[in-house]
PDB file of N, CA and C in Angstrom:
ATOM      1  N   MET A   1      10.665  59.382  64.190  1.00  0.00           N
ATOM      2  CA  MET A   1      11.934  59.881  64.675  1.00  0.00           C
ATOM      3  C   MET A   1      11.739  60.700  65.948  1.00  0.00           C
ATOM      4  N   LYS A   2      10.666  61.492  65.972  1.00  0.00           N
ATOM      5  CA  LYS A   2      10.409  62.324  67.136  1.00  0.00           C
ATOM      6  C   LYS A   2      10.076  61.449  68.352  1.00  0.00           C
ATOM      7  N   ARG A   3       9.361  60.359  68.129  1.00  0.00           N
ATOM      8  CA  ARG A   3       9.028  59.444  69.232  1.00  0.00           C
ATOM      9  C   ARG A   3      10.288  58.786  69.791  1.00  0.00           C
ATOM     10  N   LEU A   4      11.181  58.420  68.912  1.00  0.00           N
ATOM     11  CA  LEU A   4      12.421  57.790  69.346  1.00  0.00           C
ATOM     12  C   LEU A   4      13.251  58.750  70.201  1.00  0.00           C
ATOM     13  N   ALA A   5      13.349  59.988  69.776  1.00  0.00           N
ATOM     14  CA  ALA A   5      14.099  60.985  70.542  1.00  0.00           C
ATOM     15  C   ALA A   5      13.441  61.221  71.900  1.00  0.00           C
ATOM     16  N   THR A   6      12.111  61.290  71.952  1.00  0.00           N
ATOM     17  CA  THR A   6      11.398  61.475  73.209  1.00  0.00           C
ATOM     18  C   THR A   6      11.605  60.281  74.126  1.00  0.00           C
ATOM     19  N   LEU A   7      11.565  59.095  73.569  1.00  0.00           N
ATOM     20  CA  LEU A   7      11.778  57.882  74.348  1.00  0.00           C
ATOM     21  C   LEU A   7      13.190  57.842  74.938  1.00  0.00           C
ATOM     22  N   ILE A   8      14.173  58.188  74.156  1.00  0.00           N
ATOM     23  CA  ILE A   8      15.558  58.204  74.626  1.00  0.00           C
ATOM     24  C   ILE A   8      15.734  59.238  75.735  1.00  0.00           C
ATOM     25  N   MET A   9      15.143  60.408  75.567  1.00  0.00           N
ATOM     26  CA  MET A   9      15.229  61.455  76.593  1.00  0.00           C
ATOM     27  C   MET A   9      14.556  61.000  77.889  1.00  0.00           C
ATOM     28  N   ALA A  10      13.419  60.327  77.778  1.00  0.00           N
ATOM     29  CA  ALA A  10      12.711  59.846  78.970  1.00  0.00           C
ATOM     30  C   ALA A  10      13.532  58.787  79.701  1.00  0.00           C
ATOM     31  N   ILE A  11      14.153  57.895  78.959  1.00  0.00           N
ATOM     32  CA  ILE A  11      14.985  56.863  79.576  1.00  0.00           C
ATOM     33  C   ILE A  11      16.200  57.488  80.255  1.00  0.00           C
ATOM     34  N   ALA A  12      16.835  58.440  79.597  1.00  0.00           N
ATOM     35  CA  ALA A  12      18.001  59.110  80.178  1.00  0.00           C
ATOM     36  C   ALA A  12      17.624  59.847  81.463  1.00  0.00           C
ATOM     37  N   LEU A  13      16.480  60.510  81.460  1.00  0.00           N
ATOM     38  CA  LEU A  13      16.012  61.221  82.650  1.00  0.00           C
ATOM     39  C   LEU A  13      15.725  60.246  83.789  1.00  0.00           C
ATOM     40  N   THR A  14      15.102  59.136  83.485  1.00  0.00           N
ATOM     41  CA  THR A  14      14.792  58.125  84.501  1.00  0.00           C
ATOM     42  C   THR A  14      16.060  57.544  85.099  1.00  0.00           C
ATOM     43  N   VAL A  15      17.028  57.229  84.256  1.00  0.00           N
ATOM     44  CA  VAL A  15      18.283  56.661  84.734  1.00  0.00           C
ATOM     45  C   VAL A  15      19.018  57.662  85.620  1.00  0.00           C
ATOM     46  N   SER A  16      19.021  58.926  85.249  1.00  0.00           N
ATOM     47  CA  SER A  16      19.730  59.921  86.054  1.00  0.00           C
ATOM     48  C   SER A  16      19.042  60.127  87.402  1.00  0.00           C
ATOM     49  N   ILE A  17      17.726  60.113  87.447  1.00  0.00           N
ATOM     50  CA  ILE A  17      17.001  60.270  88.706  1.00  0.00           C
ATOM     51  C   ILE A  17      17.241  59.071  89.613  1.00  0.00           C
ATOM     52  N   VAL A  18      17.217  57.880  89.057  1.00  0.00           N
ATOM     53  CA  VAL A  18      17.465  56.672  89.844  1.00  0.00           C
ATOM     54  C   VAL A  18      18.887  56.684  90.398  1.00  0.00           C
ATOM     55  N   GLY A  19      19.850  57.137  89.609  1.00  0.00           N
ATOM     56  CA  GLY A  19      21.238  57.209  90.075  1.00  0.00           C
ATOM     57  C   GLY A  19      21.406  58.159  91.240  1.00  0.00           C
ATOM     58  N   VAL A  20      20.767  59.306  91.183  1.00  0.00           N
ATOM     59  CA  VAL A  20      20.844  60.281  92.274  1.00  0.00           C
ATOM     60  C   VAL A  20      20.170  59.732  93.524  1.00  0.00           C
ATOM     61  N   ALA A  21      19.020  59.100  93.372  1.00  0.00           N
ATOM     62  CA  ALA A  21      18.303  58.547  94.525  1.00  0.00           C
ATOM     63  C   ALA A  21      19.109  57.430  95.177  1.00  0.00           C
ATOM     64  N   ALA A  22      19.748  56.600  94.388  1.00  0.00           N
ATOM     65  CA  ALA A  22      20.544  55.506  94.950  1.00  0.00           C
ATOM     66  C   ALA A  22      21.771  56.039  95.675  1.00  0.00           C
ATOM     67  N   ALA A  23      22.361  57.103  95.176  1.00  0.00           N
ATOM     68  CA  ALA A  23      23.539  57.673  95.814  1.00  0.00           C
ATOM     69  C   ALA A  23      23.190  58.284  97.165  1.00  0.00           C
ATOM     70  N   GLN A  24      22.012  58.828  97.325  1.00  0.00           N
ATOM     71  CA  GLN A  24      21.635  59.467  98.576  1.00  0.00           C
ATOM     72  C   GLN A  24      21.235  58.465  99.642  1.00  0.00           C
ATOM     73  N   THR A  25      20.777  57.282  99.271  1.00  0.00           N
ATOM     74  CA  THR A  25      20.347  56.310 100.262  1.00  0.00           C
ATOM     75  C   THR A  25      21.494  55.480 100.811  1.00  0.00           C
ATOM     76  N   CYS A  26      22.667  55.584 100.240  1.00  0.00           N
ATOM     77  CA  CYS A  26      23.812  54.814 100.700  1.00  0.00           C
ATOM     78  C   CYS A  26      24.316  55.386 102.022  1.00  0.00           C
ATOM     79  N   PRO A  27      24.379  54.579 103.099  1.00  0.00           N
ATOM     80  CA  PRO A  27      24.853  55.102 104.381  1.00  0.00           C
ATOM     81  C   PRO A  27      26.341  55.410 104.328  1.00  0.00           C
ATOM     82  N   ARG A  28      26.742  56.417 105.062  1.00  0.00           N
ATOM     83  CA  ARG A  28      28.143  56.793 105.088  1.00  0.00           C
ATOM     84  C   ARG A  28      28.902  55.885 106.032  1.00  0.00           C
ATOM     85  N   GLN A  29      30.097  55.537 105.649  1.00  0.00           N
ATOM     86  CA  GLN A  29      30.942  54.692 106.480  1.00  0.00           C
ATOM     87  C   GLN A  29      31.265  55.363 107.813  1.00  0.00           C
ATOM     88  N   PRO A  30      31.678  56.639 107.847  1.00  0.00           N
ATOM     89  CA  PRO A  30      31.972  57.250 109.139  1.00  0.00           C
ATOM     90  C   PRO A  30      30.766  57.281 110.077  1.00  0.00           C
ATOM     91  N   ALA A  31      29.574  57.430 109.527  1.00  0.00           N
ATOM     92  CA  ALA A  31      28.386  57.467 110.377  1.00  0.00           C
ATOM     93  C   ALA A  31      28.174  56.120 111.060  1.00  0.00           C
ATOM     94  N   ARG A  32      28.423  55.040 110.344  1.00  0.00           N
ATOM     95  CA  ARG A  32      28.278  53.710 110.945  1.00  0.00           C
ATOM     96  C   ARG A  32      29.321  53.488 112.026  1.00  0.00           C
ATOM     97  N   ARG A  33      30.539  53.938 111.782  1.00  0.00           N
ATOM     98  CA  ARG A  33      31.589  53.784 112.793  1.00  0.00           C
ATOM     99  C   ARG A  33      31.261  54.613 114.024  1.00  0.00           C
ATOM    100  N   ALA A  34      30.744  55.803 113.817  1.00  0.00           N
ATOM    101  CA  ALA A  34      30.377  56.659 114.948  1.00  0.00           C
ATOM    102  C   ALA A  34      29.252  56.012 115.764  1.00  0.00           C
ATOM    103  N   MET A  35      28.317  55.355 115.102  1.00  0.00           N
ATOM    104  CA  MET A  35      27.239  54.678 115.824  1.00  0.00           C
ATOM    105  C   MET A  35      27.794  53.526 116.656  1.00  0.00           C
ATOM    106  N   ARG A  36      28.749  52.780 116.098  1.00  0.00           N
ATOM    107  CA  ARG A  36      29.371  51.694 116.871  1.00  0.00           C
ATOM    108  C   ARG A  36      30.124  52.245 118.073  1.00  0.00           C
ATOM    109  N   GLN A  37      30.766  53.404 117.897  1.00  0.00           N
ATOM    110  CA  GLN A  37      31.476  54.017 119.011  1.00  0.00           C
ATOM    111  C   GLN A  37      30.499  54.459 120.095  1.00  0.00           C
ATOM    112  N   GLU A  38      29.361  55.010 119.691  1.00  0.00           N
ATOM    113  CA  GLU A  38      28.336  55.397 120.671  1.00  0.00           C
ATOM    114  C   GLU A  38      27.908  54.184 121.488  1.00  0.00           C
ATOM    115  N   LEU A  39      27.749  53.056 120.828  1.00  0.00           N
ATOM    116  CA  LEU A  39      27.361  51.837 121.519  1.00  0.00           C
ATOM    117  C   LEU A  39      28.434  51.400 122.517  1.00  0.00           C
ATOM    118  N   ARG A  40      29.687  51.480 122.127  1.00  0.00           N
ATOM    119  CA  ARG A  40      30.777  51.119 123.032  1.00  0.00           C
ATOM    120  C   ARG A  40      30.830  52.045 124.235  1.00  0.00           C
ATOM    121  N   ILE A  41      30.555  53.329 124.021  1.00  0.00           N
ATOM    122  CA  ILE A  41      30.536  54.279 125.137  1.00  0.00           C
ATOM    123  C   ILE A  41      29.410  53.915 126.101  1.00  0.00           C
ATOM    124  N   ARG A  42      28.227  53.631 125.562  1.00  0.00           N
ATOM    125  CA  ARG A  42      27.095  53.254 126.421  1.00  0.00           C
ATOM    126  C   ARG A  42      27.391  51.977 127.202  1.00  0.00           C
ATOM    127  N   GLN A  43      28.000  51.008 126.546  1.00  0.00           N
ATOM    128  CA  GLN A  43      28.336  49.757 127.226  1.00  0.00           C
ATOM    129  C   GLN A  43      29.342  50.006 128.345  1.00  0.00           C
ATOM    130  N   GLY A  44      30.303  50.875 128.111  1.00  0.00           N
ATOM    131  CA  GLY A  44      31.284  51.199 129.148  1.00  0.00           C
ATOM    132  C   GLY A  44      30.649  51.915 130.321  1.00  0.00           C
ATOM    133  N   ALA A  45      29.677  52.772 130.043  1.00  0.00           N
ATOM    134  CA  ALA A  45      28.986  53.478 131.121  1.00  0.00           C
ATOM    135  C   ALA A  45      28.143  52.516 131.943  1.00  0.00           C
ATOM    136  N   CYS A  46      27.452  51.603 131.278  1.00  0.00           N
ATOM    137  CA  CYS A  46      26.605  50.631 131.988  1.00  0.00           C
ATOM    138  C   CYS A  46      27.434  49.648 132.794  1.00  0.00           C
ATOM    139  N   ALA A  47      28.613  49.290 132.304  1.00  0.00           N
ATOM    140  CA  ALA A  47      29.461  48.315 132.991  1.00  0.00           C
ATOM    141  C   ALA A  47      30.267  48.955 134.116  1.00  0.00           C
ATOM    142  N   GLY A  48      30.199  50.277 134.253  1.00  0.00           N
ATOM    143  CA  GLY A  48      30.947  50.947 135.304  1.00  0.00           C
ATOM    144  C   GLY A  48      32.413  51.130 134.985  1.00  0.00           C
ATOM    145  N   GLN A  49      32.773  51.096 133.713  1.00  0.00           N
ATOM    146  CA  GLN A  49      34.171  51.243 133.311  1.00  0.00           C
ATOM    147  C   GLN A  49      34.557  52.695 133.082  1.00  0.00           C
ATOM    148  N   LEU A  50      33.570  53.591 133.017  1.00  0.00           N
ATOM    149  CA  LEU A  50      33.837  54.995 132.736  1.00  0.00           C
ATOM    150  C   LEU A  50      33.390  55.859 133.903  1.00  0.00           C
ATOM    151  N   THR A  51      34.232  56.831 134.263  1.00  0.00           N
ATOM    152  CA  THR A  51      33.818  57.812 135.257  1.00  0.00           C
ATOM    153  C   THR A  51      32.945  58.850 134.565  1.00  0.00           C
ATOM    154  N   ARG A  52      32.306  59.704 135.350  1.00  0.00           N
ATOM    155  CA  ARG A  52      31.454  60.740 134.749  1.00  0.00           C
ATOM    156  C   ARG A  52      32.267  61.677 133.875  1.00  0.00           C
ATOM    157  N   ARG A  53      33.477  61.999 134.302  1.00  0.00           N
ATOM    158  CA  ARG A  53      34.330  62.897 133.529  1.00  0.00           C
ATOM    159  C   ARG A  53      34.746  62.255 132.203  1.00  0.00           C
ATOM    160  N   GLU A  54      35.128  60.983 132.254  1.00  0.00           N
ATOM    161  CA  GLU A  54      35.502  60.276 131.030  1.00  0.00           C
ATOM    162  C   GLU A  54      34.312  60.179 130.082  1.00  0.00           C
ATOM    163  N   LEU A  55      33.147  59.880 130.630  1.00  0.00           N
ATOM    164  CA  LEU A  55      31.942  59.787 129.811  1.00  0.00           C
ATOM    165  C   LEU A  55      31.645  61.117 129.129  1.00  0.00           C
ATOM    166  N   HIS A  56      31.776  62.200 129.862  1.00  0.00           N
ATOM    167  CA  HIS A  56      31.528  63.538 129.296  1.00  0.00           C
ATOM    168  C   HIS A  56      32.524  63.843 128.177  1.00  0.00           C
ATOM    169  N   ARG A  57      33.785  63.508 128.413  1.00  0.00           N
ATOM    170  CA  ARG A  57      34.809  63.779 127.400  1.00  0.00           C
ATOM    171  C   ARG A  57      34.569  62.967 126.128  1.00  0.00           C
ATOM    172  N   LEU A  58      34.161  61.709 126.291  1.00  0.00           N
ATOM    173  CA  LEU A  58      33.882  60.874 125.117  1.00  0.00           C
ATOM    174  C   LEU A  58      32.676  61.390 124.349  1.00  0.00           C
ATOM    175  N   ARG A  59      31.658  61.844 125.058  1.00  0.00           N
ATOM    176  CA  ARG A  59      30.478  62.380 124.371  1.00  0.00           C
ATOM    177  C   ARG A  59      30.806  63.663 123.620  1.00  0.00           C
ATOM    178  N   LEU A  60      31.688  64.494 124.174  1.00  0.00           N
ATOM    179  CA  LEU A  60      32.121  65.689 123.448  1.00  0.00           C
ATOM    180  C   LEU A  60      32.875  65.314 122.174  1.00  0.00           C
ATOM    181  N   GLY A  61      33.683  64.269 122.246  1.00  0.00           N
ATOM    182  CA  GLY A  61      34.403  63.801 121.058  1.00  0.00           C
ATOM    183  C   GLY A  61      33.454  63.302 119.983  1.00  0.00           C
ATOM    184  N   GLN A  62      32.401  62.589 120.400  1.00  0.00           N
ATOM    185  CA  GLN A  62      31.408  62.104 119.440  1.00  0.00           C
ATOM    186  C   GLN A  62      30.667  63.274 118.803  1.00  0.00           C
ATOM    187  N   ARG A  63      30.374  64.289 119.598  1.00  0.00           N
ATOM    188  CA  ARG A  63      29.689  65.466 119.040  1.00  0.00           C
ATOM    189  C   ARG A  63      30.577  66.153 118.013  1.00  0.00           C
ATOM    190  N   HIS A  64      31.875  66.212 118.280  1.00  0.00           N
ATOM    191  CA  HIS A  64      32.817  66.816 117.341  1.00  0.00           C
ATOM    192  C   HIS A  64      32.814  66.057 116.009  1.00  0.00           C
ATOM    193  N   ILE A  65      32.825  64.734 116.083  1.00  0.00           N
ATOM    194  CA  ILE A  65      32.805  63.916 114.858  1.00  0.00           C
ATOM    195  C   ILE A  65      31.506  64.132 114.094  1.00  0.00           C
ATOM    196  N   ARG A  66      30.392  64.158 114.808  1.00  0.00           N
ATOM    197  CA  ARG A  66      29.094  64.363 114.163  1.00  0.00           C
ATOM    198  C   ARG A  66      29.050  65.716 113.457  1.00  0.00           C
ATOM    199  N   ARG A  67      29.604  66.749 114.079  1.00  0.00           N
ATOM    200  CA  ARG A  67      29.627  68.075 113.449  1.00  0.00           C
ATOM    201  C   ARG A  67      30.529  68.098 112.225  1.00  0.00           C
ATOM    202  N   MET A  68      31.634  67.362 112.275  1.00  0.00           N
ATOM    203  CA  MET A  68      32.508  67.289 111.103  1.00  0.00           C
ATOM    204  C   MET A  68      31.771  66.658 109.927  1.00  0.00           C
ATOM    205  N   GLU A  69      30.964  65.626 110.193  1.00  0.00           N
ATOM    206  CA  GLU A  69      30.193  64.985 109.129  1.00  0.00           C
ATOM    207  C   GLU A  69      29.147  65.937 108.561  1.00  0.00           C
ATOM    208  N   LEU A  70      28.510  66.711 109.430  1.00  0.00           N
ATOM    209  CA  LEU A  70      27.456  67.603 108.977  1.00  0.00           C
ATOM    210  C   LEU A  70      27.994  68.793 108.201  1.00  0.00           C
ATOM    211  N   ARG A  71      29.287  69.097 108.353  1.00  0.00           N
ATOM    212  CA  ARG A  71      29.878  70.220 107.625  1.00  0.00           C
ATOM    213  C   ARG A  71      30.168  69.899 106.167  1.00  0.00           C
ATOM    214  N   ALA A  72      29.845  68.700 105.745  1.00  0.00           N
ATOM    215  CA  ALA A  72      30.066  68.315 104.343  1.00  0.00           C
ATOM    216  C   ALA A  72      29.242  69.241 103.447  1.00  0.00           C
ATOM    217  N   PRO A  73      29.661  69.425 102.212  1.00  0.00           N
ATOM    218  CA  PRO A  73      28.906  70.290 101.298  1.00  0.00           C
ATOM    219  C   PRO A  73      27.463  69.812 101.127  1.00  0.00           C
ATOM    220  N   GLY A  74      26.652  70.651 100.536  1.00  0.00           N
ATOM    221  CA  GLY A  74      25.235  70.361 100.366  1.00  0.00           C
ATOM    222  C   GLY A  74      24.939  69.098  99.575  1.00  0.00           C
ATOM    223  N   ASP A  75      25.855  68.701  98.698  1.00  0.00           N
ATOM    224  CA  ASP A  75      25.604  67.498  97.907  1.00  0.00           C
ATOM    225  C   ASP A  75      25.877  66.218  98.684  1.00  0.00           C
ATOM    226  N   GLY A  76      26.394  66.330  99.918  1.00  0.00           N
ATOM    227  CA  GLY A  76      26.613  65.163 100.758  1.00  0.00           C
ATOM    228  C   GLY A  76      27.919  64.446 100.504  1.00  0.00           C
ATOM    229  N   ARG A  77      28.717  64.959  99.610  1.00  0.00           N
ATOM    230  CA  ARG A  77      29.992  64.311  99.309  1.00  0.00           C
ATOM    231  C   ARG A  77      31.087  64.922 100.183  1.00  0.00           C
ATOM    232  N   ILE A  78      31.952  64.058 100.675  1.00  0.00           N
ATOM    233  CA  ILE A  78      33.063  64.501 101.500  1.00  0.00           C
ATOM    234  C   ILE A  78      34.319  64.407 100.642  1.00  0.00           C
ATOM    235  N   GLY A  79      35.047  65.502 100.561  1.00  0.00           N
ATOM    236  CA  GLY A  79      36.261  65.524  99.768  1.00  0.00           C
ATOM    237  C   GLY A  79      37.366  64.682 100.389  1.00  0.00           C
ATOM    238  N   ARG A  80      38.434  64.511  99.648  1.00  0.00           N
ATOM    239  CA  ARG A  80      39.520  63.645 100.100  1.00  0.00           C
ATOM    240  C   ARG A  80      40.166  64.157 101.379  1.00  0.00           C
ATOM    241  N   CYS A  81      40.481  65.448 101.433  1.00  0.00           N
ATOM    242  CA  CYS A  81      41.129  66.006 102.623  1.00  0.00           C
ATOM    243  C   CYS A  81      40.201  65.921 103.833  1.00  0.00           C
ATOM    244  N   GLU A  82      38.944  66.247 103.629  1.00  0.00           N
ATOM    245  CA  GLU A  82      37.979  66.181 104.723  1.00  0.00           C
ATOM    246  C   GLU A  82      37.771  64.738 105.186  1.00  0.00           C
ATOM    247  N   ARG A  83      37.784  63.799 104.257  1.00  0.00           N
ATOM    248  CA  ARG A  83      37.639  62.394 104.615  1.00  0.00           C
ATOM    249  C   ARG A  83      38.816  61.922 105.463  1.00  0.00           C
ATOM    250  N   VAL A  84      40.022  62.367 105.126  1.00  0.00           N
ATOM    251  CA  VAL A  84      41.212  62.011 105.896  1.00  0.00           C
ATOM    252  C   VAL A  84      41.114  62.597 107.302  1.00  0.00           C
ATOM    253  N   ARG A  85      40.714  63.863 107.412  1.00  0.00           N
ATOM    254  CA  ARG A  85      40.565  64.501 108.727  1.00  0.00           C
ATOM    255  C   ARG A  85      39.515  63.784 109.560  1.00  0.00           C
ATOM    256  N   LEU A  86      38.405  63.427 108.935  1.00  0.00           N
ATOM    257  CA  LEU A  86      37.333  62.735 109.637  1.00  0.00           C
ATOM    258  C   LEU A  86      37.794  61.352 110.102  1.00  0.00           C
ATOM    259  N   HIS A  87      38.500  60.641 109.238  1.00  0.00           N
ATOM    260  CA  HIS A  87      38.993  59.313 109.594  1.00  0.00           C
ATOM    261  C   HIS A  87      39.971  59.391 110.772  1.00  0.00           C
ATOM    262  N   ARG A  88      40.840  60.386 110.765  1.00  0.00           N
ATOM    263  CA  ARG A  88      41.794  60.537 111.871  1.00  0.00           C
ATOM    264  C   ARG A  88      41.079  60.869 113.176  1.00  0.00           C
ATOM    265  N   ALA A  89      40.063  61.713 113.096  1.00  0.00           N
ATOM    266  CA  ALA A  89      39.303  62.054 114.301  1.00  0.00           C
ATOM    267  C   ALA A  89      38.594  60.824 114.859  1.00  0.00           C
ATOM    268  N   ILE A  90      38.054  60.004 113.982  1.00  0.00           N
ATOM    269  CA  ILE A  90      37.377  58.782 114.423  1.00  0.00           C
ATOM    270  C   ILE A  90      38.384  57.818 115.034  1.00  0.00           C
ATOM    271  N   GLU A  91      39.566  57.709 114.443  1.00  0.00           N
ATOM    272  CA  GLU A  91      40.600  56.824 114.990  1.00  0.00           C
ATOM    273  C   GLU A  91      41.055  57.297 116.370  1.00  0.00           C
ATOM    274  N   ARG A  92      41.235  58.608 116.533  1.00  0.00           N
ATOM    275  CA  ARG A  92      41.623  59.140 117.843  1.00  0.00           C
ATOM    276  C   ARG A  92      40.547  58.851 118.881  1.00  0.00           C
ATOM    277  N   GLN A  93      39.292  59.051 118.494  1.00  0.00           N
ATOM    278  CA  GLN A  93      38.183  58.791 119.406  1.00  0.00           C
ATOM    279  C   GLN A  93      38.114  57.303 119.750  1.00  0.00           C
ATOM    280  N   ASP A  94      38.363  56.453 118.778  1.00  0.00           N
ATOM    281  CA  ASP A  94      38.350  55.014 119.011  1.00  0.00           C
ATOM    282  C   ASP A  94      39.408  54.626 120.045  1.00  0.00           C
ATOM    283  N   ALA A  95      40.608  55.173 119.897  1.00  0.00           N
ATOM    284  CA  ALA A  95      41.684  54.892 120.852  1.00  0.00           C
ATOM    285  C   ALA A  95      41.342  55.442 122.234  1.00  0.00           C
ATOM    286  N   ARG A  96      40.734  56.607 122.267  1.00  0.00           N
ATOM    287  CA  ARG A  96      40.351  57.220 123.541  1.00  0.00           C
ATOM    288  C   ARG A  96      39.303  56.365 124.263  1.00  0.00           C
ATOM    289  N   ILE A  97      38.338  55.842 123.524  1.00  0.00           N
ATOM    290  CA  ILE A  97      37.315  54.972 124.123  1.00  0.00           C
ATOM    291  C   ILE A  97      37.985  53.736 124.715  1.00  0.00           C
ATOM    292  N   TRP A  98      38.868  53.116 123.952  1.00  0.00           N
ATOM    293  CA  TRP A  98      39.542  51.919 124.452  1.00  0.00           C
ATOM    294  C   TRP A  98      40.334  52.233 125.708  1.00  0.00           C
ATOM    295  N   ARG A  99      41.097  53.338 125.683  1.00  0.00           N
ATOM    296  CA  ARG A  99      41.945  53.696 126.820  1.00  0.00           C
ATOM    297  C   ARG A  99      41.119  53.960 128.074  1.00  0.00           C
ATOM    298  N   PHE A 100      40.018  54.692 127.941  1.00  0.00           N
ATOM    299  CA  PHE A 100      39.180  54.998 129.093  1.00  0.00           C
ATOM    300  C   PHE A 100      38.491  53.747 129.634  1.00  0.00           C
ATOM    301  N   ARG A 101      38.094  52.840 128.752  1.00  0.00           N
ATOM    302  CA  ARG A 101      37.401  51.648 129.226  1.00  0.00           C
ATOM    303  C   ARG A 101      38.353  50.636 129.852  1.00  0.00           C
ATOM    304  N   HIS A 102      39.626  50.695 129.517  1.00  0.00           N
ATOM    305  CA  HIS A 102      40.561  49.684 129.990  1.00  0.00           C
ATOM    306  C   HIS A 102      41.617  50.251 130.943  1.00  0.00           C
ATOM    307  N   ASN A 103      41.311  51.325 131.644  1.00  0.00           N
ATOM    308  CA  ASN A 103      42.299  51.889 132.560  1.00  0.00           C
ATOM    309  C   ASN A 103      42.163  51.320 133.975  1.00  0.00           C
ATOM    310  N   ALA A 104      41.444  50.204 134.129  1.00  0.00           N
ATOM    311  CA  ALA A 104      41.322  49.457 135.385  1.00  0.00           C
ATOM    312  C   ALA A 104      40.746  50.313 136.513  1.00  0.00           C
ATOM    313  N   ARG A 105      39.961  51.296 136.184  1.00  0.00           N
ATOM    314  CA  ARG A 105      39.300  52.117 137.193  1.00  0.00           C
ATOM    315  C   ARG A 105      37.848  51.695 137.273  1.00  0.00           C
ATOM    316  N   GLU A 106      37.370  51.406 138.423  1.00  0.00           N
ATOM    317  CA  GLU A 106      35.964  51.026 138.623  1.00  0.00           C
ATOM    318  C   GLU A 106      35.239  52.153 139.325  1.00  0.00           C
ATOM    319  N   ILE A 107      34.005  52.329 139.002  1.00  0.00           N
ATOM    320  CA  ILE A 107      33.198  53.373 139.648  1.00  0.00           C
ATOM    321  C   ILE A 107      32.563  52.786 140.893  1.00  0.00           C
TER     322      ILE A 107
END
């Protein structure tokens, strides 16, 4: 009986550790979107679609989004309200990138 209880406890501990490890390795959706936005900003800069001022403003927006992600609690989970705020900030930045790249201004 004692062996069975020890075996069950060991299995439960293993399952809980594996669950925590799997949860931490999952990439965050906002982080992937922010990386795609960084790529679009770089492409716009290389193609000459962004002025220096526009490029600076877009980079400040990306830094703001990155800081919002890092302000998440220590467990790495983002609450519902914070997720909504983060999503809106990413959407605003996305629109700003599009607008700056398509304003028909060449450097």
